[in-house]
Amino acid sequence: KQAVRLLGNLACNTQGQKAIAEQGGIEAILESLDRFSTIPEVAEHCLGGLVALCSQNFELKTRVIQAQGLNIVLQTMQALQDSQGVVEQALACLEGLVEVLGLEGAEGLGPLDGERLGVVFGCITRHANQGGLRAEGLAFLKAIAPRFSGDVATEVFGLMSRMQAPEATPSTPKARGRTRRLSVVQDVRAEVHKESPDPKPKPRFPALQE
């Protein structure tokens, strides 16, 4: 846990990120996350290390995907969905990885579509009233919203709307800053309708049906 925490602290700039990656830091963090995916304290530090290491670095985000990082993050998120800290860090990690998903140009997020996206939505809904996690959840939904239309977009916007209720106080300075930067749902909806034609509706996620 302390080793991963130290790597996260060292990844505070581009030079540190590059040095850690060159020494196999991405693979080491993912291996630790996979091995200790049922221990919340360790998993949270591993996910935080990934967020710090891949921040604003497209190449390193791609390496995380290539090293099966998406699978490991989602498995950890599902296994520890009762842990607010783990889910919050997992959402921050997934938000960063969205940039390198679905690059073939098709609608959606490729490997994050279908049941996997339903798992993420379920975790967001589970902790929707927690300030810091809600901020991360809204940021993730805002990042994926332009990728969808039809029924899937309806699910995304509906979840965003429910989470825009009067807010609890975010738990961390980062979350408070993120909350201030989030756009309202209507702005994102307008952007999606402007950029994306409406294809044939896709099935709703079973896990999200009421």
N, C-alpha and C. Protein backbone atom coordinates (compact mmCIF):
# COMPACT_ATOMS: atom_id res chain seq x y z
N LYS A 1 0.83 -1.21 0.00
CA LYS A 1 0.00 0.00 0.00
C LYS A 1 0.87 1.26 0.00
N GLN A 2 1.88 1.30 0.86
CA GLN A 2 2.73 2.49 0.95
C GLN A 2 3.57 2.66 -0.32
N ALA A 3 3.98 1.55 -0.93
CA ALA A 3 4.78 1.64 -2.15
C ALA A 3 3.97 2.26 -3.28
N VAL A 4 2.71 1.83 -3.42
CA VAL A 4 1.86 2.39 -4.47
C VAL A 4 1.56 3.85 -4.17
N ARG A 5 1.34 4.15 -2.92
CA ARG A 5 1.09 5.54 -2.53
C ARG A 5 2.28 6.42 -2.89
N LEU A 6 3.50 5.92 -2.67
CA LEU A 6 4.70 6.67 -3.01
C LEU A 6 4.79 6.89 -4.51
N LEU A 7 4.48 5.86 -5.31
CA LEU A 7 4.50 6.02 -6.77
C LEU A 7 3.53 7.11 -7.21
N GLY A 8 2.34 7.13 -6.58
CA GLY A 8 1.37 8.16 -6.92
C GLY A 8 1.89 9.55 -6.62
N ASN A 9 2.59 9.69 -5.50
CA ASN A 9 3.15 11.00 -5.14
C ASN A 9 4.26 11.42 -6.09
N LEU A 10 5.03 10.44 -6.57
CA LEU A 10 6.12 10.75 -7.48
C LEU A 10 5.63 11.09 -8.89
N ALA A 11 4.39 10.69 -9.19
CA ALA A 11 3.85 10.92 -10.53
C ALA A 11 3.16 12.27 -10.63
N CYS A 12 3.69 13.26 -9.95
CA CYS A 12 3.04 14.58 -9.90
C CYS A 12 3.37 15.43 -11.11
N ASN A 13 4.30 14.99 -11.95
CA ASN A 13 4.63 15.76 -13.15
C ASN A 13 4.98 14.81 -14.29
N THR A 14 5.12 15.35 -15.48
CA THR A 14 5.38 14.54 -16.67
C THR A 14 6.67 13.74 -16.55
N GLN A 15 7.70 14.36 -15.99
CA GLN A 15 8.99 13.67 -15.86
C GLN A 15 8.86 12.47 -14.93
N GLY A 16 8.16 12.65 -13.82
CA GLY A 16 7.97 11.55 -12.88
C GLY A 16 7.13 10.44 -13.49
N GLN A 17 6.08 10.80 -14.20
CA GLN A 17 5.23 9.81 -14.85
C GLN A 17 6.03 8.98 -15.85
N LYS A 18 6.83 9.63 -16.64
CA LYS A 18 7.62 8.94 -17.66
C LYS A 18 8.62 7.99 -17.01
N ALA A 19 9.29 8.44 -15.95
CA ALA A 19 10.29 7.61 -15.29
C ALA A 19 9.65 6.37 -14.67
N ILE A 20 8.50 6.54 -14.02
CA ILE A 20 7.82 5.41 -13.40
C ILE A 20 7.37 4.41 -14.47
N ALA A 21 6.80 4.93 -15.56
CA ALA A 21 6.32 4.05 -16.63
C ALA A 21 7.47 3.26 -17.25
N GLU A 22 8.62 3.91 -17.44
CA GLU A 22 9.77 3.23 -18.05
C GLU A 22 10.29 2.09 -17.18
N GLN A 23 10.08 2.18 -15.88
CA GLN A 23 10.53 1.15 -14.95
C GLN A 23 9.44 0.11 -14.66
N GLY A 24 8.37 0.11 -15.46
CA GLY A 24 7.32 -0.88 -15.28
C GLY A 24 6.31 -0.54 -14.21
N GLY A 25 6.18 0.75 -13.89
CA GLY A 25 5.28 1.16 -12.81
C GLY A 25 3.82 0.87 -13.09
N ILE A 26 3.39 1.03 -14.33
CA ILE A 26 1.98 0.78 -14.66
C ILE A 26 1.64 -0.68 -14.41
N GLU A 27 2.49 -1.58 -14.91
CA GLU A 27 2.24 -3.00 -14.74
C GLU A 27 2.30 -3.40 -13.27
N ALA A 28 3.22 -2.79 -12.52
CA ALA A 28 3.35 -3.11 -11.10
C ALA A 28 2.10 -2.71 -10.32
N ILE A 29 1.56 -1.53 -10.63
CA ILE A 29 0.35 -1.07 -9.94
C ILE A 29 -0.84 -1.96 -10.30
N LEU A 30 -0.96 -2.30 -11.58
CA LEU A 30 -2.08 -3.15 -12.01
C LEU A 30 -1.98 -4.55 -11.40
N GLU A 31 -0.77 -5.07 -11.30
CA GLU A 31 -0.58 -6.38 -10.68
C GLU A 31 -0.97 -6.34 -9.21
N SER A 32 -0.60 -5.26 -8.53
CA SER A 32 -0.97 -5.11 -7.12
C SER A 32 -2.48 -4.97 -6.97
N LEU A 33 -3.09 -4.21 -7.86
CA LEU A 33 -4.53 -4.02 -7.80
C LEU A 33 -5.26 -5.34 -8.03
N ASP A 34 -4.78 -6.12 -8.99
CA ASP A 34 -5.39 -7.41 -9.27
C ASP A 34 -5.23 -8.37 -8.09
N ARG A 35 -4.06 -8.34 -7.48
CA ARG A 35 -3.77 -9.27 -6.38
C ARG A 35 -4.53 -8.91 -5.10
N PHE A 36 -4.69 -7.61 -4.84
CA PHE A 36 -5.32 -7.16 -3.60
C PHE A 36 -6.66 -6.49 -3.86
N SER A 37 -7.37 -6.97 -4.87
CA SER A 37 -8.61 -6.31 -5.29
C SER A 37 -9.75 -6.45 -4.29
N THR A 38 -9.56 -7.24 -3.23
CA THR A 38 -10.61 -7.39 -2.22
C THR A 38 -10.26 -6.65 -0.93
N ILE A 39 -9.15 -5.90 -0.94
CA ILE A 39 -8.74 -5.15 0.25
C ILE A 39 -8.91 -3.66 -0.06
N PRO A 40 -9.94 -3.01 0.49
CA PRO A 40 -10.27 -1.64 0.10
C PRO A 40 -9.11 -0.65 0.23
N GLU A 41 -8.37 -0.71 1.33
CA GLU A 41 -7.31 0.27 1.54
C GLU A 41 -6.23 0.18 0.47
N VAL A 42 -5.84 -1.03 0.11
CA VAL A 42 -4.81 -1.22 -0.91
C VAL A 42 -5.36 -0.85 -2.29
N ALA A 43 -6.58 -1.31 -2.59
CA ALA A 43 -7.18 -1.04 -3.90
C ALA A 43 -7.33 0.46 -4.13
N GLU A 44 -7.73 1.18 -3.09
CA GLU A 44 -7.93 2.63 -3.25
C GLU A 44 -6.61 3.32 -3.59
N HIS A 45 -5.51 2.92 -2.94
CA HIS A 45 -4.21 3.52 -3.24
C HIS A 45 -3.74 3.13 -4.64
N CYS A 46 -3.99 1.90 -5.04
CA CYS A 46 -3.61 1.48 -6.40
C CYS A 46 -4.34 2.29 -7.46
N LEU A 47 -5.63 2.46 -7.27
CA LEU A 47 -6.42 3.23 -8.23
C LEU A 47 -5.99 4.69 -8.23
N GLY A 48 -5.72 5.24 -7.05
CA GLY A 48 -5.23 6.62 -6.98
C GLY A 48 -3.89 6.77 -7.68
N GLY A 49 -3.03 5.73 -7.57
CA GLY A 49 -1.75 5.77 -8.27
C GLY A 49 -1.92 5.78 -9.77
N LEU A 50 -2.88 5.00 -10.28
CA LEU A 50 -3.16 4.99 -11.72
C LEU A 50 -3.66 6.35 -12.19
N VAL A 51 -4.54 6.95 -11.39
CA VAL A 51 -5.07 8.27 -11.75
C VAL A 51 -3.93 9.28 -11.85
N ALA A 52 -3.04 9.29 -10.85
CA ALA A 52 -1.92 10.23 -10.86
C ALA A 52 -0.95 9.95 -12.00
N LEU A 53 -0.67 8.67 -12.24
CA LEU A 53 0.31 8.29 -13.25
C LEU A 53 -0.14 8.61 -14.66
N CYS A 54 -1.43 8.45 -14.93
CA CYS A 54 -1.93 8.61 -16.30
C CYS A 54 -2.59 9.96 -16.54
N SER A 55 -2.53 10.84 -15.57
CA SER A 55 -3.18 12.14 -15.71
C SER A 55 -2.63 12.91 -16.92
N GLN A 56 -3.52 13.27 -17.83
CA GLN A 56 -3.17 14.08 -19.00
C GLN A 56 -2.11 13.44 -19.90
N ASN A 57 -2.00 12.12 -19.87
CA ASN A 57 -0.98 11.45 -20.69
C ASN A 57 -1.63 10.36 -21.52
N PHE A 58 -1.89 10.65 -22.77
CA PHE A 58 -2.60 9.73 -23.65
C PHE A 58 -1.84 8.43 -23.83
N GLU A 59 -0.52 8.51 -23.97
CA GLU A 59 0.29 7.31 -24.19
C GLU A 59 0.20 6.35 -23.00
N LEU A 60 0.27 6.89 -21.79
CA LEU A 60 0.21 6.03 -20.60
C LEU A 60 -1.19 5.46 -20.39
N LYS A 61 -2.21 6.23 -20.75
CA LYS A 61 -3.58 5.69 -20.68
C LYS A 61 -3.73 4.49 -21.63
N THR A 62 -3.13 4.62 -22.80
CA THR A 62 -3.17 3.51 -23.76
C THR A 62 -2.47 2.28 -23.22
N ARG A 63 -1.37 2.49 -22.52
CA ARG A 63 -0.64 1.37 -21.93
C ARG A 63 -1.46 0.68 -20.85
N VAL A 64 -2.23 1.45 -20.10
CA VAL A 64 -3.10 0.85 -19.08
C VAL A 64 -4.12 -0.07 -19.75
N ILE A 65 -4.72 0.39 -20.84
CA ILE A 65 -5.70 -0.42 -21.57
C ILE A 65 -5.03 -1.68 -22.12
N GLN A 66 -3.86 -1.52 -22.70
CA GLN A 66 -3.16 -2.66 -23.29
C GLN A 66 -2.76 -3.69 -22.25
N ALA A 67 -2.55 -3.26 -21.02
CA ALA A 67 -2.16 -4.17 -19.93
C ALA A 67 -3.37 -4.73 -19.20
N GLN A 68 -4.54 -4.69 -19.85
CA GLN A 68 -5.78 -5.21 -19.26
C GLN A 68 -6.23 -4.41 -18.05
N GLY A 69 -5.80 -3.15 -18.00
CA GLY A 69 -6.15 -2.31 -16.87
C GLY A 69 -7.64 -2.06 -16.72
N LEU A 70 -8.34 -1.96 -17.86
CA LEU A 70 -9.78 -1.72 -17.79
C LEU A 70 -10.49 -2.86 -17.07
N ASN A 71 -10.13 -4.09 -17.44
CA ASN A 71 -10.74 -5.26 -16.79
C ASN A 71 -10.48 -5.25 -15.29
N ILE A 72 -9.24 -4.96 -14.91
CA ILE A 72 -8.87 -5.01 -13.49
C ILE A 72 -9.59 -3.92 -12.70
N VAL A 73 -9.68 -2.73 -13.28
CA VAL A 73 -10.37 -1.63 -12.59
C VAL A 73 -11.85 -1.97 -12.40
N LEU A 74 -12.48 -2.50 -13.44
CA LEU A 74 -13.91 -2.83 -13.35
C LEU A 74 -14.16 -3.98 -12.37
N GLN A 75 -13.29 -4.98 -12.38
CA GLN A 75 -13.43 -6.09 -11.44
C GLN A 75 -13.31 -5.61 -10.00
N THR A 76 -12.35 -4.72 -9.77
CA THR A 76 -12.17 -4.18 -8.42
C THR A 76 -13.37 -3.34 -8.01
N MET A 77 -13.85 -2.54 -8.94
CA MET A 77 -15.01 -1.69 -8.66
C MET A 77 -16.23 -2.53 -8.27
N GLN A 78 -16.44 -3.62 -9.00
CA GLN A 78 -17.58 -4.48 -8.72
C GLN A 78 -17.40 -5.23 -7.40
N ALA A 79 -16.18 -5.70 -7.14
CA ALA A 79 -15.93 -6.47 -5.92
C ALA A 79 -16.03 -5.60 -4.67
N LEU A 80 -15.66 -4.33 -4.79
CA LEU A 80 -15.63 -3.44 -3.63
C LEU A 80 -16.63 -2.29 -3.78
N GLN A 81 -17.78 -2.58 -4.35
CA GLN A 81 -18.75 -1.52 -4.63
C GLN A 81 -19.32 -0.87 -3.39
N ASP A 82 -19.15 -1.48 -2.23
CA ASP A 82 -19.61 -0.86 -0.98
C ASP A 82 -18.63 0.18 -0.46
N SER A 83 -17.42 0.19 -1.00
CA SER A 83 -16.40 1.14 -0.54
C SER A 83 -16.47 2.43 -1.34
N GLN A 84 -16.86 3.51 -0.68
CA GLN A 84 -16.98 4.78 -1.38
C GLN A 84 -15.63 5.23 -1.95
N GLY A 85 -14.55 5.07 -1.16
CA GLY A 85 -13.23 5.51 -1.62
C GLY A 85 -12.78 4.76 -2.86
N VAL A 86 -13.01 3.46 -2.90
CA VAL A 86 -12.60 2.65 -4.06
C VAL A 86 -13.40 3.05 -5.29
N VAL A 87 -14.72 3.18 -5.15
CA VAL A 87 -15.56 3.54 -6.29
C VAL A 87 -15.22 4.93 -6.80
N GLU A 88 -14.94 5.85 -5.88
CA GLU A 88 -14.59 7.22 -6.28
C GLU A 88 -13.30 7.23 -7.11
N GLN A 89 -12.28 6.51 -6.64
CA GLN A 89 -11.02 6.46 -7.39
C GLN A 89 -11.18 5.71 -8.70
N ALA A 90 -11.99 4.65 -8.71
CA ALA A 90 -12.22 3.90 -9.95
C ALA A 90 -12.90 4.77 -10.99
N LEU A 91 -13.87 5.58 -10.57
CA LEU A 91 -14.55 6.48 -11.50
C LEU A 91 -13.58 7.51 -12.08
N ALA A 92 -12.70 8.04 -11.24
CA ALA A 92 -11.70 9.00 -11.72
C ALA A 92 -10.78 8.34 -12.74
N CYS A 93 -10.42 7.08 -12.49
CA CYS A 93 -9.57 6.34 -13.42
C CYS A 93 -10.29 6.09 -14.74
N LEU A 94 -11.54 5.64 -14.66
CA LEU A 94 -12.32 5.36 -15.87
C LEU A 94 -12.56 6.62 -16.68
N GLU A 95 -12.79 7.74 -15.99
CA GLU A 95 -13.00 9.00 -16.71
C GLU A 95 -11.79 9.32 -17.57
N GLY A 96 -10.59 9.09 -17.03
CA GLY A 96 -9.38 9.34 -17.80
C GLY A 96 -9.20 8.38 -18.96
N LEU A 97 -9.62 7.12 -18.77
CA LEU A 97 -9.44 6.12 -19.82
C LEU A 97 -10.44 6.25 -20.96
N VAL A 98 -11.55 6.95 -20.72
CA VAL A 98 -12.57 7.13 -21.76
C VAL A 98 -11.95 7.72 -23.03
N GLU A 99 -10.95 8.55 -22.86
CA GLU A 99 -10.32 9.22 -24.00
C GLU A 99 -9.76 8.24 -25.02
N VAL A 100 -9.31 7.07 -24.57
CA VAL A 100 -8.67 6.12 -25.48
C VAL A 100 -9.57 4.93 -25.81
N LEU A 101 -10.83 4.99 -25.42
CA LEU A 101 -11.76 3.90 -25.72
C LEU A 101 -12.60 4.22 -26.95
N GLY A 102 -12.94 3.19 -27.72
CA GLY A 102 -13.83 3.37 -28.86
C GLY A 102 -13.25 4.22 -29.97
N LEU A 103 -11.96 4.13 -30.19
CA LEU A 103 -11.32 4.99 -31.17
C LEU A 103 -11.64 4.62 -32.61
N GLU A 104 -12.33 3.48 -32.80
CA GLU A 104 -12.67 3.07 -34.16
C GLU A 104 -13.75 3.95 -34.78
N GLY A 105 -14.32 4.86 -33.99
CA GLY A 105 -15.30 5.79 -34.52
C GLY A 105 -16.73 5.35 -34.33
N ALA A 106 -16.95 4.11 -33.90
CA ALA A 106 -18.31 3.64 -33.67
C ALA A 106 -18.88 4.30 -32.43
N GLU A 107 -20.19 4.39 -32.41
CA GLU A 107 -20.83 4.97 -31.23
C GLU A 107 -20.57 4.10 -30.02
N GLY A 108 -20.39 4.71 -28.88
CA GLY A 108 -20.19 3.96 -27.65
C GLY A 108 -18.74 3.99 -27.19
N LEU A 109 -18.40 3.05 -26.33
CA LEU A 109 -17.07 3.02 -25.73
C LEU A 109 -16.39 1.67 -25.92
N GLY A 110 -16.78 0.92 -26.94
CA GLY A 110 -16.11 -0.34 -27.21
C GLY A 110 -16.17 -1.29 -26.02
N PRO A 111 -15.01 -1.58 -25.40
CA PRO A 111 -14.96 -2.57 -24.33
C PRO A 111 -15.70 -2.15 -23.06
N LEU A 112 -16.13 -0.90 -22.97
CA LEU A 112 -16.86 -0.45 -21.78
C LEU A 112 -18.36 -0.42 -22.02
N ASP A 113 -18.83 -0.95 -23.14
CA ASP A 113 -20.25 -0.98 -23.43
C ASP A 113 -20.95 -2.12 -22.68
N GLY A 114 -22.26 -2.16 -22.82
CA GLY A 114 -23.05 -3.29 -22.35
C GLY A 114 -23.05 -3.46 -20.84
N GLU A 115 -22.86 -4.70 -20.42
CA GLU A 115 -22.95 -5.02 -19.00
C GLU A 115 -21.91 -4.29 -18.17
N ARG A 116 -20.74 -4.06 -18.73
CA ARG A 116 -19.70 -3.37 -17.98
C ARG A 116 -20.13 -1.95 -17.64
N LEU A 117 -20.74 -1.27 -18.59
CA LEU A 117 -21.21 0.08 -18.32
C LEU A 117 -22.35 0.04 -17.30
N GLY A 118 -23.15 -1.00 -17.35
CA GLY A 118 -24.21 -1.16 -16.35
C GLY A 118 -23.66 -1.29 -14.95
N VAL A 119 -22.52 -1.98 -14.80
CA VAL A 119 -21.87 -2.11 -13.49
C VAL A 119 -21.46 -0.74 -12.96
N VAL A 120 -20.87 0.07 -13.84
CA VAL A 120 -20.45 1.41 -13.44
C VAL A 120 -21.66 2.25 -13.03
N PHE A 121 -22.72 2.21 -13.84
CA PHE A 121 -23.93 2.97 -13.51
C PHE A 121 -24.49 2.53 -12.16
N GLY A 122 -24.45 1.22 -11.91
CA GLY A 122 -24.97 0.72 -10.65
C GLY A 122 -24.20 1.26 -9.46
N CYS A 123 -22.87 1.33 -9.58
CA CYS A 123 -22.04 1.86 -8.50
C CYS A 123 -22.30 3.35 -8.29
N ILE A 124 -22.48 4.08 -9.39
CA ILE A 124 -22.77 5.51 -9.28
C ILE A 124 -24.09 5.72 -8.55
N THR A 125 -25.10 4.95 -8.94
CA THR A 125 -26.41 5.07 -8.31
C THR A 125 -26.35 4.72 -6.83
N ARG A 126 -25.57 3.71 -6.50
CA ARG A 126 -25.46 3.23 -5.12
C ARG A 126 -24.94 4.31 -4.19
N HIS A 127 -24.05 5.17 -4.68
CA HIS A 127 -23.43 6.19 -3.84
C HIS A 127 -23.81 7.60 -4.29
N ALA A 128 -24.97 7.75 -4.92
CA ALA A 128 -25.33 9.03 -5.53
C ALA A 128 -25.44 10.17 -4.54
N ASN A 129 -25.66 9.87 -3.27
CA ASN A 129 -25.84 10.93 -2.28
C ASN A 129 -24.55 11.30 -1.56
N GLN A 130 -23.43 10.67 -1.94
CA GLN A 130 -22.14 10.98 -1.32
C GLN A 130 -21.46 12.06 -2.14
N GLY A 131 -21.14 13.17 -1.49
CA GLY A 131 -20.67 14.36 -2.21
C GLY A 131 -19.49 14.13 -3.12
N GLY A 132 -18.37 13.62 -2.57
CA GLY A 132 -17.17 13.45 -3.40
C GLY A 132 -17.37 12.45 -4.51
N LEU A 133 -18.04 11.34 -4.21
CA LEU A 133 -18.26 10.32 -5.22
C LEU A 133 -19.24 10.82 -6.27
N ARG A 134 -20.22 11.58 -5.85
CA ARG A 134 -21.16 12.12 -6.83
C ARG A 134 -20.46 13.03 -7.83
N ALA A 135 -19.49 13.82 -7.35
CA ALA A 135 -18.74 14.69 -8.25
C ALA A 135 -17.98 13.88 -9.29
N GLU A 136 -17.33 12.78 -8.84
CA GLU A 136 -16.62 11.92 -9.79
C GLU A 136 -17.60 11.24 -10.75
N GLY A 137 -18.75 10.81 -10.22
CA GLY A 137 -19.74 10.17 -11.07
C GLY A 137 -20.26 11.09 -12.15
N LEU A 138 -20.54 12.33 -11.78
CA LEU A 138 -21.02 13.30 -12.77
C LEU A 138 -19.95 13.59 -13.81
N ALA A 139 -18.70 13.68 -13.38
CA ALA A 139 -17.61 13.93 -14.34
C ALA A 139 -17.49 12.78 -15.33
N PHE A 140 -17.61 11.54 -14.84
CA PHE A 140 -17.55 10.37 -15.73
C PHE A 140 -18.72 10.39 -16.71
N LEU A 141 -19.93 10.65 -16.22
CA LEU A 141 -21.10 10.68 -17.10
C LEU A 141 -20.98 11.78 -18.15
N LYS A 142 -20.45 12.92 -17.74
CA LYS A 142 -20.25 14.01 -18.69
C LYS A 142 -19.24 13.61 -19.78
N ALA A 143 -18.21 12.84 -19.38
CA ALA A 143 -17.20 12.42 -20.35
C ALA A 143 -17.75 11.43 -21.37
N ILE A 144 -18.67 10.55 -20.94
CA ILE A 144 -19.18 9.54 -21.87
C ILE A 144 -20.41 10.00 -22.63
N ALA A 145 -21.10 11.04 -22.16
CA ALA A 145 -22.37 11.44 -22.76
C ALA A 145 -22.28 11.68 -24.27
N PRO A 146 -21.24 12.36 -24.79
CA PRO A 146 -21.19 12.61 -26.25
C PRO A 146 -21.02 11.34 -27.08
N ARG A 147 -20.72 10.20 -26.45
CA ARG A 147 -20.50 8.95 -27.20
C ARG A 147 -21.80 8.22 -27.52
N PHE A 148 -22.93 8.66 -26.95
CA PHE A 148 -24.15 7.89 -27.07
C PHE A 148 -25.32 8.74 -27.54
N SER A 149 -26.33 8.06 -28.08
CA SER A 149 -27.62 8.68 -28.38
C SER A 149 -28.69 7.60 -28.18
N GLY A 150 -29.94 7.91 -28.48
CA GLY A 150 -31.00 6.93 -28.31
C GLY A 150 -31.24 6.58 -26.86
N ASP A 151 -31.59 5.34 -26.59
CA ASP A 151 -31.96 4.92 -25.24
C ASP A 151 -30.79 4.96 -24.27
N VAL A 152 -29.58 4.68 -24.76
CA VAL A 152 -28.43 4.74 -23.87
C VAL A 152 -28.20 6.16 -23.39
N ALA A 153 -28.32 7.12 -24.31
CA ALA A 153 -28.18 8.52 -23.92
C ALA A 153 -29.25 8.91 -22.91
N THR A 154 -30.46 8.38 -23.08
CA THR A 154 -31.53 8.65 -22.13
C THR A 154 -31.16 8.17 -20.74
N GLU A 155 -30.54 6.98 -20.66
CA GLU A 155 -30.09 6.46 -19.37
C GLU A 155 -29.04 7.38 -18.75
N VAL A 156 -28.08 7.83 -19.56
CA VAL A 156 -27.01 8.69 -19.06
C VAL A 156 -27.57 10.00 -18.54
N PHE A 157 -28.40 10.65 -19.35
CA PHE A 157 -28.95 11.94 -18.93
C PHE A 157 -29.90 11.81 -17.74
N GLY A 158 -30.65 10.70 -17.71
CA GLY A 158 -31.53 10.48 -16.57
C GLY A 158 -30.76 10.34 -15.28
N LEU A 159 -29.65 9.60 -15.32
CA LEU A 159 -28.82 9.44 -14.13
C LEU A 159 -28.18 10.76 -13.74
N MET A 160 -27.72 11.52 -14.72
CA MET A 160 -27.15 12.83 -14.42
C MET A 160 -28.18 13.74 -13.77
N SER A 161 -29.40 13.72 -14.27
CA SER A 161 -30.46 14.57 -13.72
C SER A 161 -30.75 14.22 -12.27
N ARG A 162 -30.81 12.91 -11.98
CA ARG A 162 -31.09 12.49 -10.60
C ARG A 162 -29.97 12.91 -9.65
N MET A 163 -28.76 12.97 -10.17
CA MET A 163 -27.62 13.33 -9.33
C MET A 163 -27.43 14.84 -9.21
N GLN A 164 -28.22 15.62 -9.93
CA GLN A 164 -28.11 17.07 -9.85
C GLN A 164 -29.01 17.65 -8.77
N ALA A 165 -29.52 16.81 -7.88
CA ALA A 165 -30.31 17.28 -6.74
C ALA A 165 -29.42 18.11 -5.83
N PRO A 166 -30.00 18.83 -4.84
CA PRO A 166 -29.17 19.63 -3.92
C PRO A 166 -28.03 18.80 -3.36
N GLU A 167 -26.82 19.34 -3.44
CA GLU A 167 -25.62 18.56 -3.20
C GLU A 167 -25.24 18.46 -1.74
N ALA A 168 -24.69 17.29 -1.39
CA ALA A 168 -23.98 17.17 -0.13
C ALA A 168 -22.61 17.81 -0.33
N THR A 169 -21.94 18.16 0.74
CA THR A 169 -20.63 18.78 0.64
C THR A 169 -19.61 17.77 0.15
N PRO A 170 -18.91 18.03 -0.95
CA PRO A 170 -17.91 17.08 -1.44
C PRO A 170 -16.86 16.80 -0.38
N SER A 171 -16.31 15.59 -0.40
CA SER A 171 -15.46 15.13 0.70
C SER A 171 -14.03 15.61 0.59
N THR A 172 -13.57 16.03 -0.58
CA THR A 172 -12.17 16.42 -0.75
C THR A 172 -12.10 17.71 -1.54
N PRO A 173 -10.98 18.47 -1.39
CA PRO A 173 -10.82 19.68 -2.21
C PRO A 173 -10.90 19.40 -3.69
N LYS A 174 -10.32 18.25 -4.13
CA LYS A 174 -10.39 17.89 -5.55
C LYS A 174 -11.84 17.74 -5.99
N ALA A 175 -12.63 17.04 -5.17
CA ALA A 175 -14.04 16.83 -5.52
C ALA A 175 -14.80 18.14 -5.52
N ARG A 176 -14.49 19.03 -4.55
CA ARG A 176 -15.18 20.32 -4.52
C ARG A 176 -14.88 21.13 -5.78
N GLY A 177 -13.58 21.10 -6.21
CA GLY A 177 -13.23 21.79 -7.44
C GLY A 177 -13.90 21.19 -8.65
N ARG A 178 -13.98 19.85 -8.69
CA ARG A 178 -14.62 19.18 -9.81
C ARG A 178 -16.09 19.53 -9.86
N THR A 179 -16.74 19.61 -8.69
CA THR A 179 -18.15 19.94 -8.65
C THR A 179 -18.39 21.33 -9.24
N ARG A 180 -17.52 22.26 -8.93
CA ARG A 180 -17.69 23.62 -9.47
C ARG A 180 -17.50 23.65 -10.98
N ARG A 181 -16.66 22.74 -11.52
CA ARG A 181 -16.38 22.77 -12.95
C ARG A 181 -17.42 22.05 -13.80
N LEU A 182 -18.28 21.25 -13.17
CA LEU A 182 -19.22 20.47 -13.95
C LEU A 182 -20.26 21.36 -14.62
N SER A 183 -20.58 21.07 -15.88
CA SER A 183 -21.63 21.77 -16.59
C SER A 183 -22.97 21.15 -16.24
N VAL A 184 -24.02 21.92 -16.41
CA VAL A 184 -25.35 21.38 -16.16
C VAL A 184 -25.72 20.39 -17.24
N VAL A 185 -26.69 19.53 -16.93
CA VAL A 185 -27.07 18.46 -17.86
C VAL A 185 -27.53 19.03 -19.19
N GLN A 186 -28.25 20.14 -19.16
CA GLN A 186 -28.79 20.68 -20.41
C GLN A 186 -27.68 21.06 -21.38
N ASP A 187 -26.53 21.55 -20.88
CA ASP A 187 -25.44 21.93 -21.76
C ASP A 187 -24.86 20.71 -22.46
N VAL A 188 -24.70 19.62 -21.72
CA VAL A 188 -24.17 18.39 -22.31
C VAL A 188 -25.15 17.83 -23.32
N ARG A 189 -26.45 17.83 -22.96
CA ARG A 189 -27.46 17.32 -23.88
C ARG A 189 -27.45 18.09 -25.20
N ALA A 190 -27.32 19.42 -25.12
CA ALA A 190 -27.30 20.23 -26.33
C ALA A 190 -26.09 19.89 -27.19
N GLU A 191 -24.94 19.66 -26.53
CA GLU A 191 -23.73 19.32 -27.27
C GLU A 191 -23.87 17.99 -27.98
N VAL A 192 -24.46 17.00 -27.31
CA VAL A 192 -24.64 15.68 -27.92
C VAL A 192 -25.57 15.75 -29.11
N HIS A 193 -26.71 16.43 -28.95
CA HIS A 193 -27.66 16.52 -30.05
C HIS A 193 -27.07 17.26 -31.24
N LYS A 194 -26.16 18.20 -30.96
CA LYS A 194 -25.54 18.95 -32.04
C LYS A 194 -24.54 18.10 -32.81
N GLU A 195 -23.81 17.22 -32.09
CA GLU A 195 -22.71 16.50 -32.72
C GLU A 195 -23.09 15.11 -33.23
N SER A 196 -24.12 14.48 -32.65
CA SER A 196 -24.38 13.08 -32.96
C SER A 196 -25.77 12.90 -33.54
N PRO A 197 -25.89 12.25 -34.73
CA PRO A 197 -27.22 11.89 -35.23
C PRO A 197 -27.84 10.84 -34.34
N ASP A 198 -29.15 10.70 -34.40
CA ASP A 198 -29.85 9.75 -33.54
C ASP A 198 -30.01 8.42 -34.27
N PRO A 199 -29.19 7.41 -33.92
CA PRO A 199 -29.30 6.10 -34.59
C PRO A 199 -30.45 5.31 -34.02
N LYS A 200 -30.56 4.04 -34.44
CA LYS A 200 -31.61 3.20 -33.90
C LYS A 200 -31.41 3.02 -32.41
N PRO A 201 -32.49 3.06 -31.62
CA PRO A 201 -32.35 2.93 -30.17
C PRO A 201 -31.70 1.61 -29.80
N LYS A 202 -30.88 1.64 -28.74
CA LYS A 202 -30.26 0.44 -28.21
C LYS A 202 -31.03 -0.03 -27.00
N PRO A 203 -30.93 -1.32 -26.67
CA PRO A 203 -31.64 -1.84 -25.50
C PRO A 203 -31.17 -1.15 -24.23
N ARG A 204 -32.07 -0.96 -23.29
CA ARG A 204 -31.70 -0.40 -22.01
C ARG A 204 -30.90 -1.44 -21.23
N PHE A 205 -30.09 -0.98 -20.32
CA PHE A 205 -29.35 -1.88 -19.48
C PHE A 205 -30.31 -2.52 -18.48
N PRO A 206 -30.39 -3.85 -18.43
CA PRO A 206 -31.31 -4.50 -17.50
C PRO A 206 -31.12 -4.06 -16.07
N ALA A 207 -29.87 -3.81 -15.68
CA ALA A 207 -29.60 -3.46 -14.29
C ALA A 207 -30.16 -2.10 -13.91
N LEU A 208 -30.47 -1.28 -14.94
CA LEU A 208 -30.94 0.07 -14.66
C LEU A 208 -32.44 0.21 -14.78
N GLN A 209 -33.13 -0.84 -15.22
CA GLN A 209 -34.58 -0.74 -15.35
C GLN A 209 -35.21 -0.64 -13.97
N GLU A 210 -36.22 0.18 -13.86
CA GLU A 210 -36.90 0.37 -12.59
C GLU A 210 -38.15 -0.49 -12.51
